[in-house]
C-alpha atoms as a PDB file:
ATOM      1  CA  MET A   1     -61.641  17.271 -17.526  1.00  0.00           C
ATOM      2  CA  ILE A   2     -63.314  16.706 -14.152  1.00  0.00           C
ATOM      3  CA  LYS A   3     -66.469  18.506 -15.394  1.00  0.00           C
ATOM      4  CA  PHE A   4     -66.451  16.324 -18.496  1.00  0.00           C
ATOM      5  CA  PHE A   5     -66.460  13.086 -16.454  1.00  0.00           C
ATOM      6  CA  ARG A   6     -69.102  14.494 -14.117  1.00  0.00           C
ATOM      7  CA  LYS A   7     -71.466  15.240 -17.021  1.00  0.00           C
ATOM      8  CA  ILE A   8     -71.066  11.712 -18.331  1.00  0.00           C
ATOM      9  CA  ARG A   9     -71.926  10.239 -14.923  1.00  0.00           C
ATOM     10  CA  GLN A  10     -74.977  12.493 -14.555  1.00  0.00           C
ATOM     11  CA  LYS A  11     -76.234  11.581 -18.020  1.00  0.00           C
ATOM     12  CA  LEU A  12     -75.904   7.847 -17.370  1.00  0.00           C
ATOM     13  CA  LEU A  13     -77.755   8.159 -14.049  1.00  0.00           C
ATOM     14  CA  SER A  14     -80.560  10.259 -15.551  1.00  0.00           C
ATOM     15  CA  GLU A  15     -81.078   7.636 -18.252  1.00  0.00           C
ATOM     16  CA  ASN A  16     -81.227   4.874 -15.580  1.00  0.00           C
ATOM     17  CA  LYS A  17     -78.278   3.132 -17.170  1.00  0.00           C
ATOM     18  CA  PHE A  18     -76.877   2.044 -13.841  1.00  0.00           C
ATOM     19  CA  SER A  19     -74.902  -0.926 -15.171  1.00  0.00           C
ATOM     20  CA  LYS A  20     -73.139   1.272 -17.686  1.00  0.00           C
ATOM     21  CA  TYR A  21     -72.577   3.840 -14.982  1.00  0.00           C
ATOM     22  CA  LEU A  22     -71.039   1.201 -12.749  1.00  0.00           C
ATOM     23  CA  ILE A  23     -68.720   0.050 -15.513  1.00  0.00           C
ATOM     24  CA  TYR A  24     -67.795   3.631 -16.250  1.00  0.00           C
ATOM     25  CA  ALA A  25     -67.123   4.373 -12.557  1.00  0.00           C
ATOM     26  CA  ILE A  26     -64.884   1.330 -12.261  1.00  0.00           C
ATOM     27  CA  GLY A  27     -63.024   2.410 -15.391  1.00  0.00           C
ATOM     28  CA  GLU A  28     -62.609   5.884 -13.949  1.00  0.00           C
ATOM     29  CA  ILE A  29     -61.213   4.427 -10.717  1.00  0.00           C
ATOM     30  CA  ILE A  30     -58.792   2.307 -12.710  1.00  0.00           C
ATOM     31  CA  LEU A  31     -57.629   5.398 -14.592  1.00  0.00           C
ATOM     32  CA  VAL A  32     -57.083   7.247 -11.316  1.00  0.00           C
ATOM     33  CA  VAL A  33     -55.126   4.312  -9.894  1.00  0.00           C
ATOM     34  CA  ILE A  34     -53.018   4.119 -13.045  1.00  0.00           C
ATOM     35  CA  GLY A  35     -52.354   7.850 -12.769  1.00  0.00           C
ATOM     36  CA  ILE A  36     -51.268   7.476  -9.152  1.00  0.00           C
ATOM     37  CA  LEU A  37     -48.996   4.542 -10.016  1.00  0.00           C
ATOM     38  CA  ILE A  38     -47.410   6.504 -12.847  1.00  0.00           C
ATOM     39  CA  ALA A  39     -46.829   9.472 -10.530  1.00  0.00           C
ATOM     40  CA  LEU A  40     -45.297   7.173  -7.902  1.00  0.00           C
ATOM     41  CA  GLY A  41     -43.115   5.549 -10.533  1.00  0.00           C
ATOM     42  CA  ILE A  42     -41.855   8.935 -11.704  1.00  0.00           C
ATOM     43  CA  ASN A  43     -41.217  10.002  -8.099  1.00  0.00           C
ATOM     44  CA  ASN A  44     -39.385   6.755  -7.321  1.00  0.00           C
ATOM     45  CA  ALA A  45     -37.289   7.118 -10.461  1.00  0.00           C
ATOM     46  CA  ASN A  46     -36.332  10.652  -9.403  1.00  0.00           C
ATOM     47  CA  GLU A  47     -35.448   9.463  -5.910  1.00  0.00           C
ATOM     48  CA  ASN A  48     -33.376   6.604  -7.336  1.00  0.00           C
ATOM     49  CA  ARG A  49     -31.498   9.051  -9.547  1.00  0.00           C
ATOM     50  CA  LYS A  50     -30.779  11.247  -6.530  1.00  0.00           C
ATOM     51  CA  GLU A  51     -29.601   8.263  -4.464  1.00  0.00           C
ATOM     52  CA  ASN A  52     -27.428   6.966  -7.318  1.00  0.00           C
ATOM     53  CA  LYS A  53     -25.832  10.377  -7.724  1.00  0.00           C
ATOM     54  CA  LEU A  54     -25.215  10.623  -3.984  1.00  0.00           C
ATOM     55  CA  GLU A  55     -23.772   7.107  -3.924  1.00  0.00           C
ATOM     56  CA  GLN A  56     -21.407   7.904  -6.801  1.00  0.00           C
ATOM     57  CA  ASN A  57     -20.175  11.080  -5.089  1.00  0.00           C
ATOM     58  CA  THR A  58     -19.673   9.093  -1.892  1.00  0.00           C
ATOM     59  CA  LEU A  59     -17.714   6.401  -3.733  1.00  0.00           C
ATOM     60  CA  LEU A  60     -15.467   8.996  -5.368  1.00  0.00           C
ATOM     61  CA  ASN A  61     -14.714  10.599  -1.981  1.00  0.00           C
ATOM     62  CA  LEU A  62     -13.994   7.194  -0.441  1.00  0.00           C
ATOM     63  CA  LYS A  63     -11.706   6.382  -3.337  1.00  0.00           C
ATOM     64  CA  LYS A  64      -9.643   9.534  -2.709  1.00  0.00           C
ATOM     65  CA  ASP A  65      -9.346   8.782   1.006  1.00  0.00           C
ATOM     66  CA  PHE A  66      -8.331   5.159   0.540  1.00  0.00           C
ATOM     67  CA  GLN A  67      -5.841   6.004  -2.184  1.00  0.00           C
ATOM     68  CA  LEU A  68      -4.186   8.294   0.367  1.00  0.00           C
ATOM     69  CA  ASN A  69      -4.370   5.517   2.971  1.00  0.00           C
ATOM     70  CA  LYS A  70      -2.724   3.113   0.535  1.00  0.00           C
ATOM     71  CA  GLU A  71       0.141   5.493  -0.258  1.00  0.00           C
ATOM     72  CA  ASN A  72       0.617   6.384   3.411  1.00  0.00           C
ATOM     73  CA  LEU A  73       0.535   2.773   4.569  1.00  0.00           C
ATOM     74  CA  GLU A  74       2.990   1.653   1.872  1.00  0.00           C
ATOM     75  CA  SER A  75       5.413   4.389   2.965  1.00  0.00           C
ATOM     76  CA  VAL A  76       5.037   3.511   6.667  1.00  0.00           C
ATOM     77  CA  LEU A  77       5.500  -0.188   5.940  1.00  0.00           C
ATOM     78  CA  SER A  78       8.649   0.472   3.906  1.00  0.00           C
ATOM     79  CA  ASP A  79      10.147   2.576   6.721  1.00  0.00           C
ATOM     80  CA  ASN A  80       9.400   0.015   9.428  1.00  0.00           C
ATOM     81  CA  GLU A  81      10.830  -2.824   7.349  1.00  0.00           C
ATOM     82  CA  LYS A  82      14.033  -0.783   7.049  1.00  0.00           C
ATOM     83  CA  TYR A  83      14.116  -0.220  10.807  1.00  0.00           C
ATOM     84  CA  ILE A  84      13.632  -3.888  11.687  1.00  0.00           C
ATOM     85  CA  LYS A  85      16.475  -4.850   9.326  1.00  0.00           C
ATOM     86  CA  SER A  86      18.714  -2.396  11.199  1.00  0.00           C
ATOM     87  CA  ASP A  87      17.635  -3.958  14.508  1.00  0.00           C
ATOM     88  CA  LEU A  88      18.576  -7.403  13.212  1.00  0.00           C
ATOM     89  CA  GLU A  89      21.961  -6.012  12.171  1.00  0.00           C
ATOM     90  CA  ILE A  90      22.511  -4.912  15.772  1.00  0.00           C
ATOM     91  CA  LEU A  91      21.959  -8.462  17.042  1.00  0.00           C
ATOM     92  CA  ASN A  92      24.278  -9.843  14.358  1.00  0.00           C
ATOM     93  CA  PHE A  93      26.864  -7.097  14.834  1.00  0.00           C
ATOM     94  CA  GLY A  94      30.375  -8.418  15.396  1.00  0.00           C
ATOM     95  CA  ARG A  95      29.424 -12.099  15.398  1.00  0.00           C
ATOM     96  CA  ASP A  96      31.984 -12.821  12.680  1.00  0.00           C
ATOM     97  CA  ASN A  97      34.795 -10.920  11.047  1.00  0.00           C
ATOM     98  CA  SER A  98      32.750  -9.963   8.009  1.00  0.00           C
ATOM     99  CA  SER A  99      30.147  -8.115  10.106  1.00  0.00           C
ATOM    100  CA  ILE A 100      32.555  -6.063  12.244  1.00  0.00           C
ATOM    101  CA  LYS A 101      31.844  -2.360  11.646  1.00  0.00           C
ATOM    102  CA  THR A 102      32.920   0.977  13.038  1.00  0.00           C
ATOM    103  CA  GLU A 103      31.411   2.638  16.104  1.00  0.00           C
ATOM    104  CA  SER A 104      29.921   5.268  13.819  1.00  0.00           C
ATOM    105  CA  GLU A 105      28.128   2.637  11.718  1.00  0.00           C
ATOM    106  CA  PHE A 106      26.825   1.000  14.882  1.00  0.00           C
ATOM    107  CA  SER A 107      25.524   4.329  16.185  1.00  0.00           C
ATOM    108  CA  ILE A 108      23.531   4.791  12.965  1.00  0.00           C
ATOM    109  CA  LEU A 109      21.863   1.452  13.686  1.00  0.00           C
ATOM    110  CA  LEU A 110      20.999   2.710  17.189  1.00  0.00           C
ATOM    111  CA  ASP A 111      19.227   5.665  15.576  1.00  0.00           C
ATOM    112  CA  ASP A 112      17.010   3.246  13.618  1.00  0.00           C
ATOM    113  CA  LEU A 113      16.473   1.133  16.739  1.00  0.00           C
ATOM    114  CA  THR A 114      14.589   3.986  18.356  1.00  0.00           C
ATOM    115  CA  ALA A 115      12.698   4.982  15.193  1.00  0.00           C
ATOM    116  CA  LEU A 116       9.167   4.022  14.202  1.00  0.00           C
ATOM    117  CA  SER A 117       6.978   5.211  11.346  1.00  0.00           C
ATOM    118  CA  GLU A 118       3.371   5.669  12.463  1.00  0.00           C
ATOM    119  CA  PHE A 119       0.253   5.331  10.328  1.00  0.00           C
ATOM    120  CA  PHE A 120      -2.256   8.186  10.422  1.00  0.00           C
ATOM    121  CA  PRO A 121      -5.324   7.196   8.370  1.00  0.00           C
ATOM    122  CA  THR A 122      -7.560   9.492   6.340  1.00  0.00           C
ATOM    123  CA  ASN A 123     -11.100   8.711   7.469  1.00  0.00           C
ATOM    124  CA  ASN A 124     -13.071  11.865   6.613  1.00  0.00           C
ATOM    125  CA  SER A 125     -15.527  10.319   4.146  1.00  0.00           C
ATOM    126  CA  LEU A 126     -16.016   7.112   6.119  1.00  0.00           C
ATOM    127  CA  ASP A 127     -16.523   9.060   9.367  1.00  0.00           C
ATOM    128  CA  ASN A 128     -19.190  11.198   7.712  1.00  0.00           C
ATOM    129  CA  LEU A 129     -20.995   8.089   6.478  1.00  0.00           C
ATOM    130  CA  GLN A 130     -20.893   6.318   9.822  1.00  0.00           C
ATOM    131  CA  ASN A 131     -21.746   9.381  11.919  1.00  0.00           C
ATOM    132  CA  SER A 132     -24.805  10.098   9.753  1.00  0.00           C
ATOM    133  CA  SER A 133     -25.782   6.395   9.561  1.00  0.00           C
ATOM    134  CA  SER A 134     -25.561   6.699   5.773  1.00  0.00           C
ATOM    135  CA  LEU A 135     -23.403   3.669   5.043  1.00  0.00           C
ATOM    136  CA  SER A 136     -26.519   2.068   3.524  1.00  0.00           C
ATOM    137  CA  LEU A 137     -26.143   4.499   0.604  1.00  0.00           C
ATOM    138  CA  ILE A 138     -23.572   2.047  -0.729  1.00  0.00           C
ATOM    139  CA  LYS A 139     -25.427  -0.764  -2.451  1.00  0.00           C
ATOM    140  CA  SER A 140     -22.623  -3.335  -2.362  1.00  0.00           C
ATOM    141  CA  GLN A 141     -22.935  -5.436   0.796  1.00  0.00           C
ATOM    142  CA  GLU A 142     -19.379  -6.694   0.359  1.00  0.00           C
ATOM    143  CA  LEU A 143     -18.013  -3.153   0.215  1.00  0.00           C
ATOM    144  CA  ARG A 144     -20.038  -2.122   3.272  1.00  0.00           C
ATOM    145  CA  ASN A 145     -18.604  -5.092   5.187  1.00  0.00           C
ATOM    146  CA  LYS A 146     -15.030  -4.187   4.199  1.00  0.00           C
ATOM    147  CA  LEU A 147     -15.549  -0.552   5.201  1.00  0.00           C
ATOM    148  CA  SER A 148     -16.981  -1.624   8.557  1.00  0.00           C
ATOM    149  CA  SER A 149     -13.863  -3.697   9.262  1.00  0.00           C
ATOM    150  CA  TRP A 150     -11.482  -0.820   8.427  1.00  0.00           C
ATOM    151  CA  LYS A 151     -11.380   0.896  11.818  1.00  0.00           C
ATOM    152  CA  PRO A 152     -10.754  -2.290  13.833  1.00  0.00           C
ATOM    153  CA  TYR A 153      -7.727  -2.903  11.591  1.00  0.00           C
ATOM    154  CA  VAL A 154      -6.481   0.642  12.209  1.00  0.00           C
ATOM    155  CA  GLU A 155      -7.013   0.244  15.966  1.00  0.00           C
ATOM    156  CA  SER A 156      -4.932  -2.940  15.877  1.00  0.00           C
ATOM    157  CA  ILE A 157      -2.097  -1.014  14.178  1.00  0.00           C
ATOM    158  CA  LYS A 158      -2.313   1.710  16.825  1.00  0.00           C
ATOM    159  CA  ASP A 159      -2.163  -0.836  19.657  1.00  0.00           C
ATOM    160  CA  LYS A 160       0.977  -2.405  18.199  1.00  0.00           C
ATOM    161  CA  GLU A 161       2.520   1.005  17.526  1.00  0.00           C
ATOM    162  CA  ASN A 162       1.962   2.000  21.160  1.00  0.00           C
ATOM    163  CA  ASN A 163       3.574  -1.235  22.376  1.00  0.00           C
ATOM    164  CA  ALA A 164       6.606  -0.645  20.149  1.00  0.00           C
ATOM    165  CA  LEU A 165       6.874   3.020  21.182  1.00  0.00           C
ATOM    166  CA  GLU A 166       6.761   2.054  24.850  1.00  0.00           C
ATOM    167  CA  LEU A 167       9.613  -0.392  24.356  1.00  0.00           C
ATOM    168  CA  GLU A 168      11.543   2.174  22.313  1.00  0.00           C
ATOM    169  CA  GLY A 169      11.280   4.486  25.312  1.00  0.00           C
ATOM    170  CA  LYS A 170      12.998   1.808  27.400  1.00  0.00           C
ATOM    171  CA  ALA A 171      15.699   1.475  24.726  1.00  0.00           C
ATOM    172  CA  ILE A 172      16.289   5.231  24.766  1.00  0.00           C
ATOM    173  CA  ASP A 173      16.543   5.273  28.566  1.00  0.00           C
ATOM    174  CA  PHE A 174      18.988   2.372  28.474  1.00  0.00           C
ATOM    175  CA  ILE A 175      21.231   4.043  25.872  1.00  0.00           C
ATOM    176  CA  ILE A 176      21.151   7.321  27.842  1.00  0.00           C
ATOM    177  CA  LYS A 177      22.446   5.479  30.904  1.00  0.00           C
ATOM    178  CA  ASN A 178      24.989   3.266  29.153  1.00  0.00           C
ATOM    179  CA  GLY A 179      25.949   4.912  25.857  1.00  0.00           C
ATOM    180  CA  SER A 180      26.327   8.234  24.051  1.00  0.00           C
ATOM    181  CA  TRP A 181      23.502   9.978  22.176  1.00  0.00           C
ATOM    182  CA  LEU A 182      25.963  12.568  20.924  1.00  0.00           C
ATOM    183  CA  ASN A 183      27.754   9.753  19.100  1.00  0.00           C
ATOM    184  CA  VAL A 184      24.423   8.638  17.610  1.00  0.00           C
ATOM    185  CA  ASP A 185      23.497  12.160  16.488  1.00  0.00           C
ATOM    186  CA  GLU A 186      26.939  12.767  15.009  1.00  0.00           C
ATOM    187  CA  ALA A 187      26.887   9.499  13.077  1.00  0.00           C
ATOM    188  CA  SER A 188      23.343  10.169  11.809  1.00  0.00           C
ATOM    189  CA  ASN A 189      24.137  13.752  10.719  1.00  0.00           C
ATOM    190  CA  PHE A 190      21.540  15.130  13.140  1.00  0.00           C
ATOM    191  CA  LYS A 191      20.356  18.542  11.842  1.00  0.00           C
ATOM    192  CA  ALA A 192      17.243  19.236  13.899  1.00  0.00           C
ATOM    193  CA  LEU A 193      18.941  22.262  15.508  1.00  0.00           C
ATOM    194  CA  ASP A 194      19.227  23.964  12.098  1.00  0.00           C
ATOM    195  CA  LYS A 195      21.823  26.719  12.577  1.00  0.00           C
ATOM    196  CA  TYR A 196      23.461  25.135  15.620  1.00  0.00           C
ATOM    197  CA  THR A 197      26.013  22.329  15.694  1.00  0.00           C
ATOM    198  CA  LEU A 198      26.242  19.693  18.398  1.00  0.00           C
ATOM    199  CA  PRO A 199      29.723  19.136  19.874  1.00  0.00           C
ATOM    200  CA  LYS A 200      31.470  15.819  20.155  1.00  0.00           C
ATOM    201  CA  SER A 201      31.055  13.931  23.400  1.00  0.00           C
ATOM    202  CA  ARG A 202      33.723  14.697  25.999  1.00  0.00           C
ATOM    203  CA  PHE A 203      33.512  11.069  27.093  1.00  0.00           C
ATOM    204  CA  GLU A 204      35.455   8.299  25.428  1.00  0.00           C
ATOM    205  CA  ILE A 205      32.457   6.062  24.905  1.00  0.00           C
ATOM    206  CA  ASP A 206      32.134   3.388  22.249  1.00  0.00           C
ATOM    207  CA  ASN A 207      28.471   2.521  21.766  1.00  0.00           C
ATOM    208  CA  ARG A 208      29.493  -0.956  20.634  1.00  0.00           C
ATOM    209  CA  THR A 209      30.101  -1.809  24.301  1.00  0.00           C
ATOM    210  CA  LEU A 210      26.302  -1.999  24.598  1.00  0.00           C
ATOM    211  CA  LEU A 211      26.590  -5.351  22.838  1.00  0.00           C
ATOM    212  CA  ASN A 212      28.269  -6.777  25.937  1.00  0.00           C
ATOM    213  CA  ILE A 213      25.193  -6.114  28.104  1.00  0.00           C
ATOM    214  CA  ILE A 214      22.518  -8.838  28.118  1.00  0.00           C
ATOM    215  CA  GLU A 215      19.764  -6.349  28.984  1.00  0.00           C
ATOM    216  CA  PHE A 216      20.479  -4.423  25.791  1.00  0.00           C
ATOM    217  CA  GLU A 217      20.321  -7.596  23.725  1.00  0.00           C
ATOM    218  CA  ASN A 218      16.956  -8.464  25.278  1.00  0.00           C
ATOM    219  CA  ILE A 219      15.590  -4.974  24.588  1.00  0.00           C
ATOM    220  CA  VAL A 220      16.623  -5.200  20.930  1.00  0.00           C
ATOM    221  CA  GLU A 221      15.114  -8.679  20.576  1.00  0.00           C
ATOM    222  CA  ASN A 222      11.820  -7.555  22.118  1.00  0.00           C
ATOM    223  CA  LEU A 223      11.718  -4.524  19.836  1.00  0.00           C
ATOM    224  CA  ILE A 224      12.236  -6.747  16.801  1.00  0.00           C
ATOM    225  CA  MET A 225       9.311  -8.915  17.888  1.00  0.00           C
ATOM    226  CA  GLN A 226       7.093  -5.872  18.462  1.00  0.00           C
ATOM    227  CA  LYS A 227       8.003  -4.308  15.129  1.00  0.00           C
ATOM    228  CA  ASN A 228       7.514  -7.629  13.357  1.00  0.00           C
ATOM    229  CA  GLY A 229       3.987  -7.919  14.759  1.00  0.00           C
ATOM    230  CA  LEU A 230       3.300  -4.335  13.690  1.00  0.00           C
ATOM    231  CA  ILE A 231       4.565  -4.962  10.165  1.00  0.00           C
ATOM    232  CA  ARG A 232       2.406  -8.098   9.816  1.00  0.00           C
ATOM    233  CA  THR A 233      -0.657  -6.071  10.854  1.00  0.00           C
ATOM    234  CA  GLU A 234       0.257  -3.261   8.449  1.00  0.00           C
ATOM    235  CA  GLU A 235       0.568  -5.798   5.626  1.00  0.00           C
ATOM    236  CA  LYS A 236      -2.890  -7.235   6.375  1.00  0.00           C
ATOM    237  CA  THR A 237      -4.343  -3.733   6.531  1.00  0.00           C
ATOM    238  CA  LEU A 238      -2.755  -2.875   3.193  1.00  0.00           C
ATOM    239  CA  VAL A 239      -4.462  -5.935   1.676  1.00  0.00           C
ATOM    240  CA  LEU A 240      -7.780  -4.637   3.044  1.00  0.00           C
ATOM    241  CA  VAL A 241      -7.130  -1.185   1.558  1.00  0.00           C
ATOM    242  CA  LYS A 242      -6.503  -2.707  -1.867  1.00  0.00           C
ATOM    243  CA  GLU A 243      -9.670  -4.830  -1.604  1.00  0.00           C
ATOM    244  CA  ILE A 244     -11.714  -1.758  -0.682  1.00  0.00           C
ATOM    245  CA  LEU A 245     -10.283   0.211  -3.611  1.00  0.00           C
ATOM    246  CA  ASP A 246     -11.033  -2.653  -6.020  1.00  0.00           C
ATOM    247  CA  LEU A 247     -14.648  -2.858  -4.797  1.00  0.00           C
ATOM    248  CA  ILE A 248     -15.068   0.916  -4.997  1.00  0.00           C
ATOM    249  CA  GLU A 249     -13.748   0.874  -8.559  1.00  0.00           C
ATOM    250  CA  LYS A 250     -16.329  -1.790  -9.511  1.00  0.00           C
ATOM    251  CA  GLU A 251     -19.175   0.330  -8.114  1.00  0.00           C
ATOM    252  CA  ILE A 252     -18.140   3.570  -9.796  1.00  0.00           C
ATOM    253  CA  LYS A 253     -19.987   4.111 -13.056  1.00  0.00           C
ATOM    254  CA  LYS A 254     -17.685   5.195 -15.837  1.00  0.00           C
END
């Protein structure tokens, strides 16, 4: 083909048909440019296909991770709501005849007082994206913004969990000094020792006497406030998870 065009150019020059040669040369340049543009277009199309495929795989991996986060967070939230209700029962315990309960029932509430369900997020896919600076693979700006705000939400949960755990430590220390953990474990059917059985306390201690100590009341109240703040943050984070999943679903091609 190149030899064919060369012969045409040589013939036009030998016949002194310079104007025709010029027109021909321009036409040949245009053909070359068109060829280059077509090649670039094909290459760009191939690259776009590769990027789209990579984006879809990324979205599917993110979807799996955030579905796990949703299930985990819902479970954690349900547990902590149960615990805070038990804490409120402690404050209301014995305030009227209808709420008077046994020492065993009160000890079960003490077990919930020192319990907290922690959230451990699944961040594998998002970490890989952020560590490789590949978040731009996702075309949706809104989704990228939501994903970028995910970790600050998780950090806020962790901060509130740590505050609650610190206060729970104070509650445990207080009960150790003023009450009976054996009574708590017996009432809660503690089985962590597997094949061993804990004995009954040799001390005649009624954990309900803790209600007569103002320091205990203050500890319980502070724990309720801490757990309430944690639950509110977990609820907001769950909303974010659902928004992220909805946006991912919109970007996934069926």
